[in-house]
Each structure stands twice: as structure tokens, then as C-alpha cells.
Amino acid sequence: MAALYDACGGPVYRLALRLCRDRQEAEDLTHDVFLRYWQQDRYDPSRGPVLAFLLLLTRSMALNRLQQRQNRWRLVQRWSSQLFATAVPSPHEQAETDDLARRVKVALESIPANQRQVLELAYYEGLSQSAIGAQLQLPLGTVKTRSRQGLIRLRELLIDFRSEP
């Protein structure tokens, strides 16, 4: 193996450097090419010289690494755009949000108090319907009915504020 590395290491490294454009990456790739050659033993002498096989293996492994790097970069970009979406809303977006908040507040104030209480506990406190029933000492069916009636009434009051048709 040492004799093979001495004979073919230079050309393999140069090709790796040309493809990767980074010395450390080319050294790692060269190491991996010889390691794969040694572990897999797929070289067939009847198909050509060993140097041609090693150069083909280098090219293939370099292209795979570059593809993996591009895939990781795309994944990072996609996640960062989702995690760090526009931090500052535009004045138009802020005005829409403020208007919606005001309208929801007015709509909540206009529904019966028992329905509003159930909806506030569910949506602002994050309680389940059974937890609301336990807290208010109401049967689960009553909590469900009040929640449904409150949501129906809110929908009627806010129907004209849909952002999409």
C-alpha cells in the first residue's frame, strides 16, 4: 500500500485539490480514496491501470462531497429563513396586525361572558377542555358547547376580515 501511495498519491492529491479547492479537504479526500481502495478491493487490473481507477474514484468521491456540501447549505438556508423570518414587520403588516387584534378584542367582548371565559382559558391559557371543566367545575359537555357556540359567534363577527378569499 505504501508503494501504491508513493506512486499515485501525488496525482490523486492534485486532482482532489483541483476539485475541492481547499488543501485540507484535498488531503482528507486523498486519504479517503486510498482507504476505500484498501477496504473495498474493487480494482480490476483488466480494466486499466490502477492510477486511472484511483483518479476515477477521486473524482467520484469529490463530486459526492461537493453535492453533500450543497445539500447541507440548502438545508441551512431553508431552516434559517424559517427560524429567522422577517424580524421587523412592515408598517402595512403592523397596521393589519393591530387592526385584527382590535377587532378580535371587540368581538370577544361582544359574546356572552361564559363563552368568552371558556375561549380565553383555551386559547390564552392553553388549557384543554377537560382542564377548563375541572377549573370552572363544569361538565365536559358544557365546556364543549360553550366553546363551539363562542367560536361560531366569533366567526360571524369576524367573517369580513378574512385575509384570503
C-alpha atoms as a PDB file:
ATOM      1  CA  MET A   1       0.000   0.000   0.000  1.00  0.00           C
ATOM      2  CA  ALA A   2       2.892   2.362   0.796  1.00  0.00           C
ATOM      3  CA  ALA A   3       4.378   1.780  -2.670  1.00  0.00           C
ATOM      4  CA  LEU A   4       0.998   2.473  -4.281  1.00  0.00           C
ATOM      5  CA  TYR A   5       0.627   5.688  -2.287  1.00  0.00           C
ATOM      6  CA  ASP A   6       4.145   6.795  -3.243  1.00  0.00           C
ATOM      7  CA  ALA A   7       3.429   6.125  -6.905  1.00  0.00           C
ATOM      8  CA  CYS A   8      -0.117   7.539  -7.145  1.00  0.00           C
ATOM      9  CA  GLY A   9      -0.553   9.847  -4.150  1.00  0.00           C
ATOM     10  CA  GLY A  10       0.663  12.957  -5.978  1.00  0.00           C
ATOM     11  CA  PRO A  11      -1.726  12.774  -8.949  1.00  0.00           C
ATOM     12  CA  VAL A  12      -4.653  11.822  -6.679  1.00  0.00           C
ATOM     13  CA  TYR A  13      -3.934  14.780  -4.373  1.00  0.00           C
ATOM     14  CA  ARG A  14      -3.582  17.222  -7.270  1.00  0.00           C
ATOM     15  CA  LEU A  15      -6.933  16.146  -8.734  1.00  0.00           C
ATOM     16  CA  ALA A  16      -8.540  16.339  -5.298  1.00  0.00           C
ATOM     17  CA  LEU A  17      -7.127  19.838  -4.797  1.00  0.00           C
ATOM     18  CA  ARG A  18      -8.371  20.951  -8.216  1.00  0.00           C
ATOM     19  CA  LEU A  19     -11.882  19.646  -7.485  1.00  0.00           C
ATOM     20  CA  CYS A  20     -12.175  20.685  -3.822  1.00  0.00           C
ATOM     21  CA  ARG A  21     -10.170  23.929  -3.991  1.00  0.00           C
ATOM     22  CA  ASP A  22      -9.119  23.502  -0.372  1.00  0.00           C
ATOM     23  CA  ARG A  23      -5.870  21.925   0.844  1.00  0.00           C
ATOM     24  CA  GLN A  24      -7.321  20.296   3.953  1.00  0.00           C
ATOM     25  CA  GLU A  25     -10.292  18.925   2.042  1.00  0.00           C
ATOM     26  CA  ALA A  26      -7.958  17.576  -0.667  1.00  0.00           C
ATOM     27  CA  GLU A  27      -5.782  15.858   1.929  1.00  0.00           C
ATOM     28  CA  ASP A  28      -8.841  14.299   3.568  1.00  0.00           C
ATOM     29  CA  LEU A  29     -10.164  13.179   0.205  1.00  0.00           C
ATOM     30  CA  THR A  30      -6.826  11.657  -0.799  1.00  0.00           C
ATOM     31  CA  HIS A  31      -6.740   9.749   2.470  1.00  0.00           C
ATOM     32  CA  ASP A  32     -10.315   8.547   1.971  1.00  0.00           C
ATOM     33  CA  VAL A  33      -9.627   7.442  -1.615  1.00  0.00           C
ATOM     34  CA  PHE A  34      -6.723   5.205  -0.558  1.00  0.00           C
ATOM     35  CA  LEU A  35      -8.670   3.948   2.435  1.00  0.00           C
ATOM     36  CA  ARG A  36     -11.615   2.992   0.241  1.00  0.00           C
ATOM     37  CA  TYR A  37      -9.269   1.321  -2.275  1.00  0.00           C
ATOM     38  CA  TRP A  38      -7.726  -0.724   0.526  1.00  0.00           C
ATOM     39  CA  GLN A  39     -11.047  -1.642   2.213  1.00  0.00           C
ATOM     40  CA  GLN A  40     -13.210  -2.425  -0.815  1.00  0.00           C
ATOM     41  CA  ASP A  41     -10.686  -4.076  -3.161  1.00  0.00           C
ATOM     42  CA  ARG A  42     -12.749  -3.347  -6.282  1.00  0.00           C
ATOM     43  CA  TYR A  43      -9.877  -2.658  -8.638  1.00  0.00           C
ATOM     44  CA  ASP A  44      -9.850  -4.929 -11.698  1.00  0.00           C
ATOM     45  CA  PRO A  45      -6.443  -4.823 -13.460  1.00  0.00           C
ATOM     46  CA  SER A  46      -8.000  -5.980 -16.740  1.00  0.00           C
ATOM     47  CA  ARG A  47      -9.958  -2.704 -16.975  1.00  0.00           C
ATOM     48  CA  GLY A  48      -6.954  -0.373 -16.905  1.00  0.00           C
ATOM     49  CA  PRO A  49      -4.084   0.971 -14.829  1.00  0.00           C
ATOM     50  CA  VAL A  50      -4.520   1.456 -11.102  1.00  0.00           C
ATOM     51  CA  LEU A  51      -3.842   5.197 -11.426  1.00  0.00           C
ATOM     52  CA  ALA A  52      -6.852   5.601 -13.735  1.00  0.00           C
ATOM     53  CA  PHE A  53      -9.001   3.723 -11.227  1.00  0.00           C
ATOM     54  CA  LEU A  54      -7.796   5.895  -8.344  1.00  0.00           C
ATOM     55  CA  LEU A  55      -8.369   9.108 -10.309  1.00  0.00           C
ATOM     56  CA  LEU A  56     -11.883   8.000 -11.220  1.00  0.00           C
ATOM     57  CA  LEU A  57     -12.529   7.132  -7.584  1.00  0.00           C
ATOM     58  CA  THR A  58     -11.161  10.555  -6.538  1.00  0.00           C
ATOM     59  CA  ARG A  59     -13.423  12.362  -8.984  1.00  0.00           C
ATOM     60  CA  SER A  60     -16.477  10.388  -7.885  1.00  0.00           C
ATOM     61  CA  MET A  61     -15.848  10.928  -4.179  1.00  0.00           C
ATOM     62  CA  ALA A  62     -15.097  14.642  -4.683  1.00  0.00           C
ATOM     63  CA  LEU A  63     -18.342  15.170  -6.586  1.00  0.00           C
ATOM     64  CA  ASN A  64     -20.249  13.335  -3.850  1.00  0.00           C
ATOM     65  CA  ARG A  65     -18.675  15.582  -1.199  1.00  0.00           C
ATOM     66  CA  LEU A  66     -19.478  18.720  -3.153  1.00  0.00           C
ATOM     67  CA  GLN A  67     -23.082  17.577  -3.605  1.00  0.00           C
ATOM     68  CA  GLN A  68     -23.405  16.827   0.106  1.00  0.00           C
ATOM     69  CA  ARG A  69     -21.985  20.251   0.951  1.00  0.00           C
ATOM     70  CA  GLN A  70     -24.509  21.928  -1.359  1.00  0.00           C
ATOM     71  CA  ASN A  71     -27.365  19.927   0.169  1.00  0.00           C
ATOM     72  CA  ARG A  72     -26.279  20.900   3.694  1.00  0.00           C
ATOM     73  CA  TRP A  73     -26.024  24.546   2.624  1.00  0.00           C
ATOM     74  CA  ARG A  74     -29.538  24.477   1.150  1.00  0.00           C
ATOM     75  CA  LEU A  75     -30.856  22.887   4.331  1.00  0.00           C
ATOM     76  CA  VAL A  76     -29.191  25.555   6.476  1.00  0.00           C
ATOM     77  CA  GLN A  77     -30.615  28.305   4.281  1.00  0.00           C
ATOM     78  CA  ARG A  78     -34.114  26.822   4.423  1.00  0.00           C
ATOM     79  CA  TRP A  79     -34.003  26.445   8.205  1.00  0.00           C
ATOM     80  CA  SER A  80     -32.517  29.876   8.794  1.00  0.00           C
ATOM     81  CA  SER A  81     -35.173  31.522   6.639  1.00  0.00           C
ATOM     82  CA  GLN A  82     -37.843  29.745   8.686  1.00  0.00           C
ATOM     83  CA  LEU A  83     -36.224  30.395  12.054  1.00  0.00           C
ATOM     84  CA  PHE A  84     -35.224  33.986  11.404  1.00  0.00           C
ATOM     85  CA  ALA A  85     -38.100  35.205   9.329  1.00  0.00           C
ATOM     86  CA  THR A  86     -38.536  38.919   8.914  1.00  0.00           C
ATOM     87  CA  ALA A  87     -37.875  40.258  12.382  1.00  0.00           C
ATOM     88  CA  VAL A  88     -39.401  43.679  11.796  1.00  0.00           C
ATOM     89  CA  PRO A  89     -42.827  43.743  10.178  1.00  0.00           C
ATOM     90  CA  SER A  90     -43.512  46.353   7.553  1.00  0.00           C
ATOM     91  CA  PRO A  91     -45.778  49.281   8.519  1.00  0.00           C
ATOM     92  CA  HIS A  92     -48.564  47.722   6.434  1.00  0.00           C
ATOM     93  CA  GLU A  93     -48.218  44.340   8.182  1.00  0.00           C
ATOM     94  CA  GLN A  94     -48.115  46.030  11.582  1.00  0.00           C
ATOM     95  CA  ALA A  95     -51.263  48.021  10.784  1.00  0.00           C
ATOM     96  CA  GLU A  96     -53.081  44.833   9.712  1.00  0.00           C
ATOM     97  CA  THR A  97     -51.994  43.032  12.881  1.00  0.00           C
ATOM     98  CA  ASP A  98     -53.095  45.931  15.081  1.00  0.00           C
ATOM     99  CA  ASP A  99     -56.446  46.134  13.305  1.00  0.00           C
ATOM    100  CA  LEU A 100     -57.015  42.400  13.671  1.00  0.00           C
ATOM    101  CA  ALA A 101     -56.112  42.494  17.378  1.00  0.00           C
ATOM    102  CA  ARG A 102     -58.530  45.359  17.956  1.00  0.00           C
ATOM    103  CA  ARG A 103     -61.340  43.591  16.064  1.00  0.00           C
ATOM    104  CA  VAL A 104     -60.798  40.294  17.910  1.00  0.00           C
ATOM    105  CA  LYS A 105     -60.871  42.134  21.254  1.00  0.00           C
ATOM    106  CA  VAL A 106     -64.139  43.871  20.334  1.00  0.00           C
ATOM    107  CA  ALA A 107     -65.611  40.582  19.071  1.00  0.00           C
ATOM    108  CA  LEU A 108     -64.619  38.750  22.272  1.00  0.00           C
ATOM    109  CA  GLU A 109     -66.232  41.473  24.384  1.00  0.00           C
ATOM    110  CA  SER A 110     -69.490  41.103  22.455  1.00  0.00           C
ATOM    111  CA  ILE A 111     -70.012  37.356  23.047  1.00  0.00           C
ATOM    112  CA  PRO A 112     -71.598  36.055  26.278  1.00  0.00           C
ATOM    113  CA  ALA A 113     -69.254  36.015  29.298  1.00  0.00           C
ATOM    114  CA  ASN A 114     -69.488  32.246  29.838  1.00  0.00           C
ATOM    115  CA  GLN A 115     -68.419  31.558  26.215  1.00  0.00           C
ATOM    116  CA  ARG A 116     -65.659  34.195  26.378  1.00  0.00           C
ATOM    117  CA  GLN A 117     -64.299  32.692  29.600  1.00  0.00           C
ATOM    118  CA  VAL A 118     -64.040  29.219  28.062  1.00  0.00           C
ATOM    119  CA  LEU A 119     -62.350  30.551  24.907  1.00  0.00           C
ATOM    120  CA  GLU A 120     -59.884  32.691  26.863  1.00  0.00           C
ATOM    121  CA  LEU A 121     -58.873  29.744  29.030  1.00  0.00           C
ATOM    122  CA  ALA A 122     -58.459  27.560  25.944  1.00  0.00           C
ATOM    123  CA  TYR A 123     -56.574  29.978  23.685  1.00  0.00           C
ATOM    124  CA  TYR A 124     -54.791  32.358  26.045  1.00  0.00           C
ATOM    125  CA  GLU A 125     -54.051  29.944  28.894  1.00  0.00           C
ATOM    126  CA  GLY A 126     -53.630  26.861  26.676  1.00  0.00           C
ATOM    127  CA  LEU A 127     -55.875  24.662  28.791  1.00  0.00           C
ATOM    128  CA  SER A 128     -57.586  21.582  27.415  1.00  0.00           C
ATOM    129  CA  GLN A 129     -61.350  21.339  27.540  1.00  0.00           C
ATOM    130  CA  SER A 130     -61.217  18.813  30.375  1.00  0.00           C
ATOM    131  CA  ALA A 131     -58.867  21.115  32.356  1.00  0.00           C
ATOM    132  CA  ILE A 132     -61.272  24.017  31.769  1.00  0.00           C
ATOM    133  CA  GLY A 133     -64.143  21.875  33.022  1.00  0.00           C
ATOM    134  CA  ALA A 134     -62.181  20.989  36.154  1.00  0.00           C
ATOM    135  CA  GLN A 135     -61.179  24.603  36.808  1.00  0.00           C
ATOM    136  CA  LEU A 136     -64.683  26.024  36.276  1.00  0.00           C
ATOM    137  CA  GLN A 137     -66.367  22.982  37.832  1.00  0.00           C
ATOM    138  CA  LEU A 138     -68.447  22.362  34.702  1.00  0.00           C
ATOM    139  CA  PRO A 139     -69.272  19.140  32.875  1.00  0.00           C
ATOM    140  CA  LEU A 140     -67.125  18.493  29.797  1.00  0.00           C
ATOM    141  CA  GLY A 141     -70.182  18.666  27.525  1.00  0.00           C
ATOM    142  CA  THR A 142     -70.986  22.162  28.777  1.00  0.00           C
ATOM    143  CA  VAL A 143     -67.419  23.328  28.124  1.00  0.00           C
ATOM    144  CA  LYS A 144     -67.557  21.917  24.600  1.00  0.00           C
ATOM    145  CA  THR A 145     -70.913  23.539  23.890  1.00  0.00           C
ATOM    146  CA  ARG A 146     -69.773  26.953  25.153  1.00  0.00           C
ATOM    147  CA  SER A 147     -66.565  26.700  23.169  1.00  0.00           C
ATOM    148  CA  ARG A 148     -68.392  25.775  19.978  1.00  0.00           C
ATOM    149  CA  GLN A 149     -71.029  28.472  20.376  1.00  0.00           C
ATOM    150  CA  GLY A 150     -68.363  31.089  21.149  1.00  0.00           C
ATOM    151  CA  LEU A 151     -66.317  30.155  18.077  1.00  0.00           C
ATOM    152  CA  ILE A 152     -69.393  30.241  15.844  1.00  0.00           C
ATOM    153  CA  ARG A 153     -70.272  33.713  17.143  1.00  0.00           C
ATOM    154  CA  LEU A 154     -66.678  34.943  16.665  1.00  0.00           C
ATOM    155  CA  ARG A 155     -66.691  33.650  13.111  1.00  0.00           C
ATOM    156  CA  GLU A 156     -69.876  35.572  12.388  1.00  0.00           C
ATOM    157  CA  LEU A 157     -68.379  38.761  13.835  1.00  0.00           C
ATOM    158  CA  LEU A 158     -65.037  38.425  12.039  1.00  0.00           C
ATOM    159  CA  ILE A 159     -66.163  36.874   8.732  1.00  0.00           C
ATOM    160  CA  ASP A 160     -65.488  40.056   6.729  1.00  0.00           C
ATOM    161  CA  PHE A 161     -61.857  40.244   7.947  1.00  0.00           C
ATOM    162  CA  ARG A 162     -60.509  37.246   6.034  1.00  0.00           C
ATOM    163  CA  SER A 163     -57.040  37.837   4.664  1.00  0.00           C
ATOM    164  CA  GLU A 164     -57.678  35.468   1.745  1.00  0.00           C
ATOM    165  CA  PRO A 165     -60.850  34.776  -0.228  1.00  0.00           C
END
